[in-house]
Every structure is written in C-alpha cells, then in structure tokens.
Amino acid sequence: MKEVRQKQMLSLIAQRGSITMEELQRIFGTSMNTIRSDVAKLAASGAVEKSYGGVRILSTQEVPLFTHRSALHADGKRRLAHYAQHLL
C-alpha cells in the first residue's frame, strides 16, 4: 500500500511540477509524518527534491528515441567495438 501511494504521489508531483506538503496530506488523507516519510523516500531515490514546505520533480525529460540515441557518439562506439573485437 505504501509503494502504491508513493507511485501515485510521484505521478502527481510530476504532473504538477511541484506541490506543498499540506496538499499531499489533504489529497492522500494521511498524517504529515507519513507524507514526510514518503517524500523522503522519493527524494532519496533522486526523483524529487524537497523544498521549504513542499516538493518538486527533478527530472521531467523524456528518454530520447533509440534511433536518436544510437546515432550519438557513433564513431566512438565503432572504435570501441573494433577494439573489443581484437581482444577475442
């Protein structure tokens, strides 16, 4: 149940960008200690950042498409593959 709440909390924070602790408490209907604990866990995972009286999302970037990522640093990847091939 705690994990589900934390996922829902993270989704809400990502959707809004930031939210106050009081809003989280009202929305999830839990104690402030529970909210603090959940936010601390999310902050420790690197997903959010605690701020005075609230929390904000850290990363809203989407992962680039594979076709774009595969083209990045292509020359270096080819050289590395060539080097690895000669190690066999």
PDB file of N, CA and C in Angstrom:
ATOM      1  N   MET A   1       0.823  -1.190   0.000  1.00  0.00           N
ATOM      2  CA  MET A   1       0.000   0.000   0.000  1.00  0.00           C
ATOM      3  C   MET A   1       0.867   1.252   0.000  1.00  0.00           C
ATOM      4  N   LYS A   2       1.957   1.210   0.767  1.00  0.00           N
ATOM      5  CA  LYS A   2       2.863   2.353   0.833  1.00  0.00           C
ATOM      6  C   LYS A   2       3.491   2.611  -0.539  1.00  0.00           C
ATOM      7  N   GLU A   3       3.902   1.546  -1.218  1.00  0.00           N
ATOM      8  CA  GLU A   3       4.537   1.692  -2.528  1.00  0.00           C
ATOM      9  C   GLU A   3       3.566   2.273  -3.551  1.00  0.00           C
ATOM     10  N   VAL A   4       2.328   1.835  -3.485  1.00  0.00           N
ATOM     11  CA  VAL A   4       1.298   2.344  -4.400  1.00  0.00           C
ATOM     12  C   VAL A   4       1.096   3.836  -4.155  1.00  0.00           C
ATOM     13  N   ARG A   5       0.993   4.216  -2.891  1.00  0.00           N
ATOM     14  CA  ARG A   5       0.803   5.628  -2.547  1.00  0.00           C
ATOM     15  C   ARG A   5       1.982   6.460  -3.036  1.00  0.00           C
ATOM     16  N   GLN A   6       3.191   5.950  -2.862  1.00  0.00           N
ATOM     17  CA  GLN A   6       4.371   6.694  -3.287  1.00  0.00           C
ATOM     18  C   GLN A   6       4.411   6.844  -4.811  1.00  0.00           C
ATOM     19  N   LYS A   7       3.995   5.806  -5.541  1.00  0.00           N
ATOM     20  CA  LYS A   7       3.930   5.910  -7.002  1.00  0.00           C
ATOM     21  C   LYS A   7       2.892   6.944  -7.420  1.00  0.00           C
ATOM     22  N   GLN A   8       1.746   6.926  -6.752  1.00  0.00           N
ATOM     23  CA  GLN A   8       0.703   7.904  -7.053  1.00  0.00           C
ATOM     24  C   GLN A   8       1.185   9.314  -6.720  1.00  0.00           C
ATOM     25  N   MET A   9       1.907   9.428  -5.623  1.00  0.00           N
ATOM     26  CA  MET A   9       2.442  10.714  -5.194  1.00  0.00           C
ATOM     27  C   MET A   9       3.438  11.237  -6.226  1.00  0.00           C
ATOM     28  N   LEU A  10       4.327  10.364  -6.672  1.00  0.00           N
ATOM     29  CA  LEU A  10       5.320  10.756  -7.665  1.00  0.00           C
ATOM     30  C   LEU A  10       4.642  11.186  -8.965  1.00  0.00           C
ATOM     31  N   SER A  11       3.622  10.462  -9.364  1.00  0.00           N
ATOM     32  CA  SER A  11       2.884  10.808 -10.571  1.00  0.00           C
ATOM     33  C   SER A  11       2.241  12.187 -10.446  1.00  0.00           C
ATOM     34  N   LEU A  12       1.657  12.456  -9.305  1.00  0.00           N
ATOM     35  CA  LEU A  12       1.019  13.748  -9.060  1.00  0.00           C
ATOM     36  C   LEU A  12       2.046  14.877  -9.070  1.00  0.00           C
ATOM     37  N   ILE A  13       3.176  14.656  -8.422  1.00  0.00           N
ATOM     38  CA  ILE A  13       4.234  15.680  -8.384  1.00  0.00           C
ATOM     39  C   ILE A  13       4.766  15.935  -9.790  1.00  0.00           C
ATOM     40  N   ALA A  14       4.956  14.876 -10.559  1.00  0.00           N
ATOM     41  CA  ALA A  14       5.439  15.024 -11.936  1.00  0.00           C
ATOM     42  C   ALA A  14       4.434  15.790 -12.784  1.00  0.00           C
ATOM     43  N   GLN A  15       3.169  15.521 -12.560  1.00  0.00           N
ATOM     44  CA  GLN A  15       2.109  16.179 -13.313  1.00  0.00           C
ATOM     45  C   GLN A  15       2.065  17.669 -13.012  1.00  0.00           C
ATOM     46  N   ARG A  16       2.211  18.019 -11.750  1.00  0.00           N
ATOM     47  CA  ARG A  16       2.113  19.422 -11.339  1.00  0.00           C
ATOM     48  C   ARG A  16       3.447  20.167 -11.390  1.00  0.00           C
ATOM     49  N   GLY A  17       4.534  19.444 -11.288  1.00  0.00           N
ATOM     50  CA  GLY A  17       5.847  20.091 -11.231  1.00  0.00           C
ATOM     51  C   GLY A  17       6.302  20.319  -9.811  1.00  0.00           C
ATOM     52  N   SER A  18       5.393  20.789  -8.966  1.00  0.00           N
ATOM     53  CA  SER A  18       5.663  20.956  -7.536  1.00  0.00           C
ATOM     54  C   SER A  18       4.340  20.961  -6.780  1.00  0.00           C
ATOM     55  N   ILE A  19       4.440  20.703  -5.481  1.00  0.00           N
ATOM     56  CA  ILE A  19       3.236  20.644  -4.648  1.00  0.00           C
ATOM     57  C   ILE A  19       3.654  20.841  -3.195  1.00  0.00           C
ATOM     58  N   THR A  20       2.748  21.360  -2.391  1.00  0.00           N
ATOM     59  CA  THR A  20       3.069  21.551  -0.980  1.00  0.00           C
ATOM     60  C   THR A  20       2.798  20.260  -0.198  1.00  0.00           C
ATOM     61  N   MET A  21       3.431  20.170   0.943  1.00  0.00           N
ATOM     62  CA  MET A  21       3.229  19.010   1.817  1.00  0.00           C
ATOM     63  C   MET A  21       1.786  18.959   2.307  1.00  0.00           C
ATOM     64  N   GLU A  22       1.209  20.124   2.571  1.00  0.00           N
ATOM     65  CA  GLU A  22      -0.180  20.174   3.032  1.00  0.00           C
ATOM     66  C   GLU A  22      -1.141  19.650   1.971  1.00  0.00           C
ATOM     67  N   GLU A  23      -0.868  19.980   0.712  1.00  0.00           N
ATOM     68  CA  GLU A  23      -1.719  19.467  -0.374  1.00  0.00           C
ATOM     69  C   GLU A  23      -1.610  17.948  -0.465  1.00  0.00           C
ATOM     70  N   LEU A  24      -0.391  17.431  -0.348  1.00  0.00           N
ATOM     71  CA  LEU A  24      -0.206  15.983  -0.376  1.00  0.00           C
ATOM     72  C   LEU A  24      -0.963  15.324   0.769  1.00  0.00           C
ATOM     73  N   GLN A  25      -0.900  15.917   1.949  1.00  0.00           N
ATOM     74  CA  GLN A  25      -1.590  15.360   3.107  1.00  0.00           C
ATOM     75  C   GLN A  25      -3.102  15.351   2.869  1.00  0.00           C
ATOM     76  N   ARG A  26      -3.619  16.438   2.331  1.00  0.00           N
ATOM     77  CA  ARG A  26      -5.062  16.529   2.076  1.00  0.00           C
ATOM     78  C   ARG A  26      -5.491  15.530   1.008  1.00  0.00           C
ATOM     79  N   ILE A  27      -4.720  15.434  -0.070  1.00  0.00           N
ATOM     80  CA  ILE A  27      -5.082  14.553  -1.185  1.00  0.00           C
ATOM     81  C   ILE A  27      -5.030  13.086  -0.785  1.00  0.00           C
ATOM     82  N   PHE A  28      -3.970  12.702  -0.050  1.00  0.00           N
ATOM     83  CA  PHE A  28      -3.794  11.289   0.289  1.00  0.00           C
ATOM     84  C   PHE A  28      -4.429  10.905   1.627  1.00  0.00           C
ATOM     85  N   GLY A  29      -4.870  11.890   2.399  1.00  0.00           N
ATOM     86  CA  GLY A  29      -5.588  11.608   3.634  1.00  0.00           C
ATOM     87  C   GLY A  29      -4.762  10.862   4.670  1.00  0.00           C
ATOM     88  N   THR A  30      -3.475  11.176   4.747  1.00  0.00           N
ATOM     89  CA  THR A  30      -2.594  10.529   5.721  1.00  0.00           C
ATOM     90  C   THR A  30      -2.023  11.576   6.656  1.00  0.00           C
ATOM     91  N   SER A  31      -1.287  11.113   7.636  1.00  0.00           N
ATOM     92  CA  SER A  31      -0.660  12.042   8.574  1.00  0.00           C
ATOM     93  C   SER A  31       0.507  12.760   7.908  1.00  0.00           C
ATOM     94  N   MET A  32       0.894  13.893   8.481  1.00  0.00           N
ATOM     95  CA  MET A  32       2.032  14.639   7.949  1.00  0.00           C
ATOM     96  C   MET A  32       3.317  13.822   8.078  1.00  0.00           C
ATOM     97  N   ASN A  33       3.432  13.014   9.124  1.00  0.00           N
ATOM     98  CA  ASN A  33       4.609  12.154   9.270  1.00  0.00           C
ATOM     99  C   ASN A  33       4.709  11.144   8.131  1.00  0.00           C
ATOM    100  N   THR A  34       3.576  10.605   7.707  1.00  0.00           N
ATOM    101  CA  THR A  34       3.563   9.666   6.582  1.00  0.00           C
ATOM    102  C   THR A  34       3.976  10.369   5.301  1.00  0.00           C
ATOM    103  N   ILE A  35       3.466  11.573   5.092  1.00  0.00           N
ATOM    104  CA  ILE A  35       3.833  12.352   3.902  1.00  0.00           C
ATOM    105  C   ILE A  35       5.328  12.638   3.920  1.00  0.00           C
ATOM    106  N   ARG A  36       5.846  13.063   5.060  1.00  0.00           N
ATOM    107  CA  ARG A  36       7.288  13.347   5.171  1.00  0.00           C
ATOM    108  C   ARG A  36       8.119  12.107   4.872  1.00  0.00           C
ATOM    109  N   SER A  37       7.688  10.976   5.377  1.00  0.00           N
ATOM    110  CA  SER A  37       8.393   9.721   5.148  1.00  0.00           C
ATOM    111  C   SER A  37       8.375   9.340   3.663  1.00  0.00           C
ATOM    112  N   ASP A  38       7.215   9.458   3.039  1.00  0.00           N
ATOM    113  CA  ASP A  38       7.097   9.138   1.618  1.00  0.00           C
ATOM    114  C   ASP A  38       7.949  10.086   0.768  1.00  0.00           C
ATOM    115  N   VAL A  39       7.903  11.369   1.079  1.00  0.00           N
ATOM    116  CA  VAL A  39       8.688  12.353   0.322  1.00  0.00           C
ATOM    117  C   VAL A  39      10.181  12.102   0.520  1.00  0.00           C
ATOM    118  N   ALA A  40      10.582  11.743   1.738  1.00  0.00           N
ATOM    119  CA  ALA A  40      11.997  11.442   1.992  1.00  0.00           C
ATOM    120  C   ALA A  40      12.450  10.253   1.152  1.00  0.00           C
ATOM    121  N   LYS A  41      11.611   9.242   1.033  1.00  0.00           N
ATOM    122  CA  LYS A  41      11.938   8.068   0.215  1.00  0.00           C
ATOM    123  C   LYS A  41      12.052   8.453  -1.262  1.00  0.00           C
ATOM    124  N   LEU A  42      11.123   9.269  -1.747  1.00  0.00           N
ATOM    125  CA  LEU A  42      11.173   9.720  -3.136  1.00  0.00           C
ATOM    126  C   LEU A  42      12.399  10.602  -3.388  1.00  0.00           C
ATOM    127  N   ALA A  43      12.744  11.430  -2.402  1.00  0.00           N
ATOM    128  CA  ALA A  43      13.922  12.293  -2.537  1.00  0.00           C
ATOM    129  C   ALA A  43      15.206  11.462  -2.537  1.00  0.00           C
ATOM    130  N   ALA A  44      15.245  10.429  -1.719  1.00  0.00           N
ATOM    131  CA  ALA A  44      16.422   9.554  -1.666  1.00  0.00           C
ATOM    132  C   ALA A  44      16.617   8.805  -2.982  1.00  0.00           C
ATOM    133  N   SER A  45      15.527   8.550  -3.686  1.00  0.00           N
ATOM    134  CA  SER A  45      15.624   7.860  -4.976  1.00  0.00           C
ATOM    135  C   SER A  45      16.083   8.798  -6.082  1.00  0.00           C
ATOM    136  N   GLY A  46      16.085  10.096  -5.805  1.00  0.00           N
ATOM    137  CA  GLY A  46      16.532  11.070  -6.799  1.00  0.00           C
ATOM    138  C   GLY A  46      15.430  11.564  -7.715  1.00  0.00           C
ATOM    139  N   ALA A  47      14.197  11.171  -7.456  1.00  0.00           N
ATOM    140  CA  ALA A  47      13.085  11.561  -8.323  1.00  0.00           C
ATOM    141  C   ALA A  47      12.578  12.966  -8.031  1.00  0.00           C
ATOM    142  N   VAL A  48      12.636  13.361  -6.759  1.00  0.00           N
ATOM    143  CA  VAL A  48      12.113  14.669  -6.355  1.00  0.00           C
ATOM    144  C   VAL A  48      13.131  15.368  -5.465  1.00  0.00           C
ATOM    145  N   GLU A  49      12.866  16.647  -5.252  1.00  0.00           N
ATOM    146  CA  GLU A  49      13.695  17.443  -4.352  1.00  0.00           C
ATOM    147  C   GLU A  49      12.782  18.114  -3.332  1.00  0.00           C
ATOM    148  N   LYS A  50      13.141  17.972  -2.064  1.00  0.00           N
ATOM    149  CA  LYS A  50      12.353  18.638  -1.032  1.00  0.00           C
ATOM    150  C   LYS A  50      12.709  20.117  -1.036  1.00  0.00           C
ATOM    151  N   SER A  51      11.701  20.931  -0.819  1.00  0.00           N
ATOM    152  CA  SER A  51      11.913  22.363  -0.673  1.00  0.00           C
ATOM    153  C   SER A  51      11.133  22.810   0.559  1.00  0.00           C
ATOM    154  N   TYR A  52      11.313  24.042   0.947  1.00  0.00           N
ATOM    155  CA  TYR A  52      10.635  24.528   2.140  1.00  0.00           C
ATOM    156  C   TYR A  52       9.125  24.417   1.974  1.00  0.00           C
ATOM    157  N   GLY A  53       8.522  23.503   2.733  1.00  0.00           N
ATOM    158  CA  GLY A  53       7.072  23.342   2.720  1.00  0.00           C
ATOM    159  C   GLY A  53       6.514  22.547   1.558  1.00  0.00           C
ATOM    160  N   GLY A  54       7.391  22.000   0.727  1.00  0.00           N
ATOM    161  CA  GLY A  54       6.866  21.272  -0.424  1.00  0.00           C
ATOM    162  C   GLY A  54       7.893  20.373  -1.072  1.00  0.00           C
ATOM    163  N   VAL A  55       7.587  20.000  -2.288  1.00  0.00           N
ATOM    164  CA  VAL A  55       8.441  19.084  -3.033  1.00  0.00           C
ATOM    165  C   VAL A  55       8.271  19.383  -4.520  1.00  0.00           C
ATOM    166  N   ARG A  56       9.354  19.190  -5.287  1.00  0.00           N
ATOM    167  CA  ARG A  56       9.277  19.417  -6.724  1.00  0.00           C
ATOM    168  C   ARG A  56       9.948  18.273  -7.461  1.00  0.00           C
ATOM    169  N   ILE A  57       9.516  18.061  -8.685  1.00  0.00           N
ATOM    170  CA  ILE A  57      10.059  16.989  -9.510  1.00  0.00           C
ATOM    171  C   ILE A  57      11.435  17.414 -10.008  1.00  0.00           C
ATOM    172  N   LEU A  58      12.354  16.475 -10.109  1.00  0.00           N
ATOM    173  CA  LEU A  58      13.694  16.798 -10.583  1.00  0.00           C
ATOM    174  C   LEU A  58      13.857  16.577 -12.075  1.00  0.00           C
ATOM    175  N   SER A  59      13.368  15.474 -12.583  1.00  0.00           N
ATOM    176  CA  SER A  59      13.604  15.156 -13.984  1.00  0.00           C
ATOM    177  C   SER A  59      12.288  15.010 -14.716  1.00  0.00           C
ATOM    178  N   THR A  60      12.068  15.903 -15.669  1.00  0.00           N
ATOM    179  CA  THR A  60      10.869  15.781 -16.486  1.00  0.00           C
ATOM    180  C   THR A  60      11.240  15.452 -17.924  1.00  0.00           C
ATOM    181  N   GLN A  61      12.534  15.195 -18.168  1.00  0.00           N
ATOM    182  CA  GLN A  61      12.981  14.863 -19.513  1.00  0.00           C
ATOM    183  C   GLN A  61      12.518  13.470 -19.899  1.00  0.00           C
ATOM    184  N   GLU A  62      12.100  13.345 -21.125  1.00  0.00           N
ATOM    185  CA  GLU A  62      11.760  12.030 -21.635  1.00  0.00           C
ATOM    186  C   GLU A  62      13.017  11.408 -22.218  1.00  0.00           C
ATOM    187  N   VAL A  63      13.058  10.109 -22.234  1.00  0.00           N
ATOM    188  CA  VAL A  63      14.193   9.397 -22.814  1.00  0.00           C
ATOM    189  C   VAL A  63      14.116   9.554 -24.337  1.00  0.00           C
ATOM    190  N   PRO A  64      15.233   9.971 -24.963  1.00  0.00           N
ATOM    191  CA  PRO A  64      15.212  10.115 -26.422  1.00  0.00           C
ATOM    192  C   PRO A  64      14.956   8.778 -27.109  1.00  0.00           C
ATOM    193  N   LEU A  65      14.443   8.833 -28.307  1.00  0.00           N
ATOM    194  CA  LEU A  65      14.183   7.630 -29.083  1.00  0.00           C
ATOM    195  C   LEU A  65      15.474   6.862 -29.318  1.00  0.00           C
ATOM    196  N   PHE A  66      15.352   5.539 -29.445  1.00  0.00           N
ATOM    197  CA  PHE A  66      16.524   4.698 -29.659  1.00  0.00           C
ATOM    198  C   PHE A  66      17.278   5.113 -30.916  1.00  0.00           C
ATOM    199  N   THR A  67      16.543   5.459 -31.965  1.00  0.00           N
ATOM    200  CA  THR A  67      17.209   5.837 -33.218  1.00  0.00           C
ATOM    201  C   THR A  67      18.082   7.067 -33.019  1.00  0.00           C
ATOM    202  N   HIS A  68      17.655   7.966 -32.184  1.00  0.00           N
ATOM    203  CA  HIS A  68      18.457   9.156 -31.896  1.00  0.00           C
ATOM    204  C   HIS A  68      19.643   8.794 -31.003  1.00  0.00           C
ATOM    205  N   ARG A  69      19.388   7.998 -29.954  1.00  0.00           N
ATOM    206  CA  ARG A  69      20.464   7.611 -29.036  1.00  0.00           C
ATOM    207  C   ARG A  69      21.531   6.786 -29.729  1.00  0.00           C
ATOM    208  N   SER A  70      21.134   5.917 -30.648  1.00  0.00           N
ATOM    209  CA  SER A  70      22.098   5.045 -31.316  1.00  0.00           C
ATOM    210  C   SER A  70      23.032   5.842 -32.218  1.00  0.00           C
ATOM    211  N   ALA A  71      22.582   6.984 -32.697  1.00  0.00           N
ATOM    212  CA  ALA A  71      23.421   7.817 -33.560  1.00  0.00           C
ATOM    213  C   ALA A  71      24.410   8.668 -32.762  1.00  0.00           C
ATOM    214  N   LEU A  72      24.157   8.853 -31.463  1.00  0.00           N
ATOM    215  CA  LEU A  72      25.053   9.653 -30.637  1.00  0.00           C
ATOM    216  C   LEU A  72      26.381   8.930 -30.444  1.00  0.00           C
ATOM    217  N   HIS A  73      27.468   9.646 -30.626  1.00  0.00           N
ATOM    218  CA  HIS A  73      28.819   9.117 -30.407  1.00  0.00           C
ATOM    219  C   HIS A  73      29.081   7.855 -31.222  1.00  0.00           C
ATOM    220  N   ALA A  74      28.542   7.812 -32.426  1.00  0.00           N
ATOM    221  CA  ALA A  74      28.653   6.613 -33.268  1.00  0.00           C
ATOM    222  C   ALA A  74      30.103   6.264 -33.569  1.00  0.00           C
ATOM    223  N   ASP A  75      30.938   7.262 -33.833  1.00  0.00           N
ATOM    224  CA  ASP A  75      32.337   6.990 -34.155  1.00  0.00           C
ATOM    225  C   ASP A  75      33.046   6.325 -32.974  1.00  0.00           C
ATOM    226  N   GLY A  76      32.816   6.836 -31.785  1.00  0.00           N
ATOM    227  CA  GLY A  76      33.432   6.250 -30.592  1.00  0.00           C
ATOM    228  C   GLY A  76      32.951   4.828 -30.340  1.00  0.00           C
ATOM    229  N   LYS A  77      31.679   4.591 -30.602  1.00  0.00           N
ATOM    230  CA  LYS A  77      31.122   3.245 -30.424  1.00  0.00           C
ATOM    231  C   LYS A  77      31.753   2.258 -31.410  1.00  0.00           C
ATOM    232  N   ARG A  78      31.949   2.718 -32.657  1.00  0.00           N
ATOM    233  CA  ARG A  78      32.587   1.849 -33.657  1.00  0.00           C
ATOM    234  C   ARG A  78      34.028   1.528 -33.259  1.00  0.00           C
ATOM    235  N   ARG A  79      34.756   2.531 -32.790  1.00  0.00           N
ATOM    236  CA  ARG A  79      36.145   2.293 -32.382  1.00  0.00           C
ATOM    237  C   ARG A  79      36.212   1.336 -31.198  1.00  0.00           C
ATOM    238  N   LEU A  80      35.311   1.494 -30.264  1.00  0.00           N
ATOM    239  CA  LEU A  80      35.274   0.606 -29.104  1.00  0.00           C
ATOM    240  C   LEU A  80      34.947  -0.829 -29.526  1.00  0.00           C
ATOM    241  N   ALA A  81      33.989  -0.982 -30.419  1.00  0.00           N
ATOM    242  CA  ALA A  81      33.626  -2.319 -30.905  1.00  0.00           C
ATOM    243  C   ALA A  81      34.796  -2.952 -31.649  1.00  0.00           C
ATOM    244  N   HIS A  82      35.504  -2.152 -32.461  1.00  0.00           N
ATOM    245  CA  HIS A  82      36.661  -2.661 -33.198  1.00  0.00           C
ATOM    246  C   HIS A  82      37.749  -3.117 -32.219  1.00  0.00           C
ATOM    247  N   TYR A  83      37.990  -2.324 -31.190  1.00  0.00           N
ATOM    248  CA  TYR A  83      38.998  -2.675 -30.187  1.00  0.00           C
ATOM    249  C   TYR A  83      38.593  -3.962 -29.458  1.00  0.00           C
ATOM    250  N   ALA A  84      37.318  -4.060 -29.061  1.00  0.00           N
ATOM    251  CA  ALA A  84      36.839  -5.239 -28.340  1.00  0.00           C
ATOM    252  C   ALA A  84      36.936  -6.497 -29.208  1.00  0.00           C
ATOM    253  N   GLN A  85      36.722  -6.357 -30.500  1.00  0.00           N
ATOM    254  CA  GLN A  85      36.784  -7.488 -31.412  1.00  0.00           C
ATOM    255  C   GLN A  85      38.200  -8.073 -31.438  1.00  0.00           C
ATOM    256  N   HIS A  86      39.199  -7.224 -31.327  1.00  0.00           N
ATOM    257  CA  HIS A  86      40.581  -7.705 -31.371  1.00  0.00           C
ATOM    258  C   HIS A  86      41.031  -8.318 -30.045  1.00  0.00           C
ATOM    259  N   LEU A  87      40.263  -8.156 -29.007  1.00  0.00           N
ATOM    260  CA  LEU A  87      40.598  -8.753 -27.714  1.00  0.00           C
ATOM    261  C   LEU A  87      40.263 -10.232 -27.666  1.00  0.00           C
ATOM    262  N   LEU A  88      39.394 -10.687 -28.544  1.00  0.00           N
ATOM    263  CA  LEU A  88      38.959 -12.087 -28.544  1.00  0.00           C
ATOM    264  C   LEU A  88      39.982 -13.012 -29.070  1.00  0.00           C
TER     265      LEU A  88
END
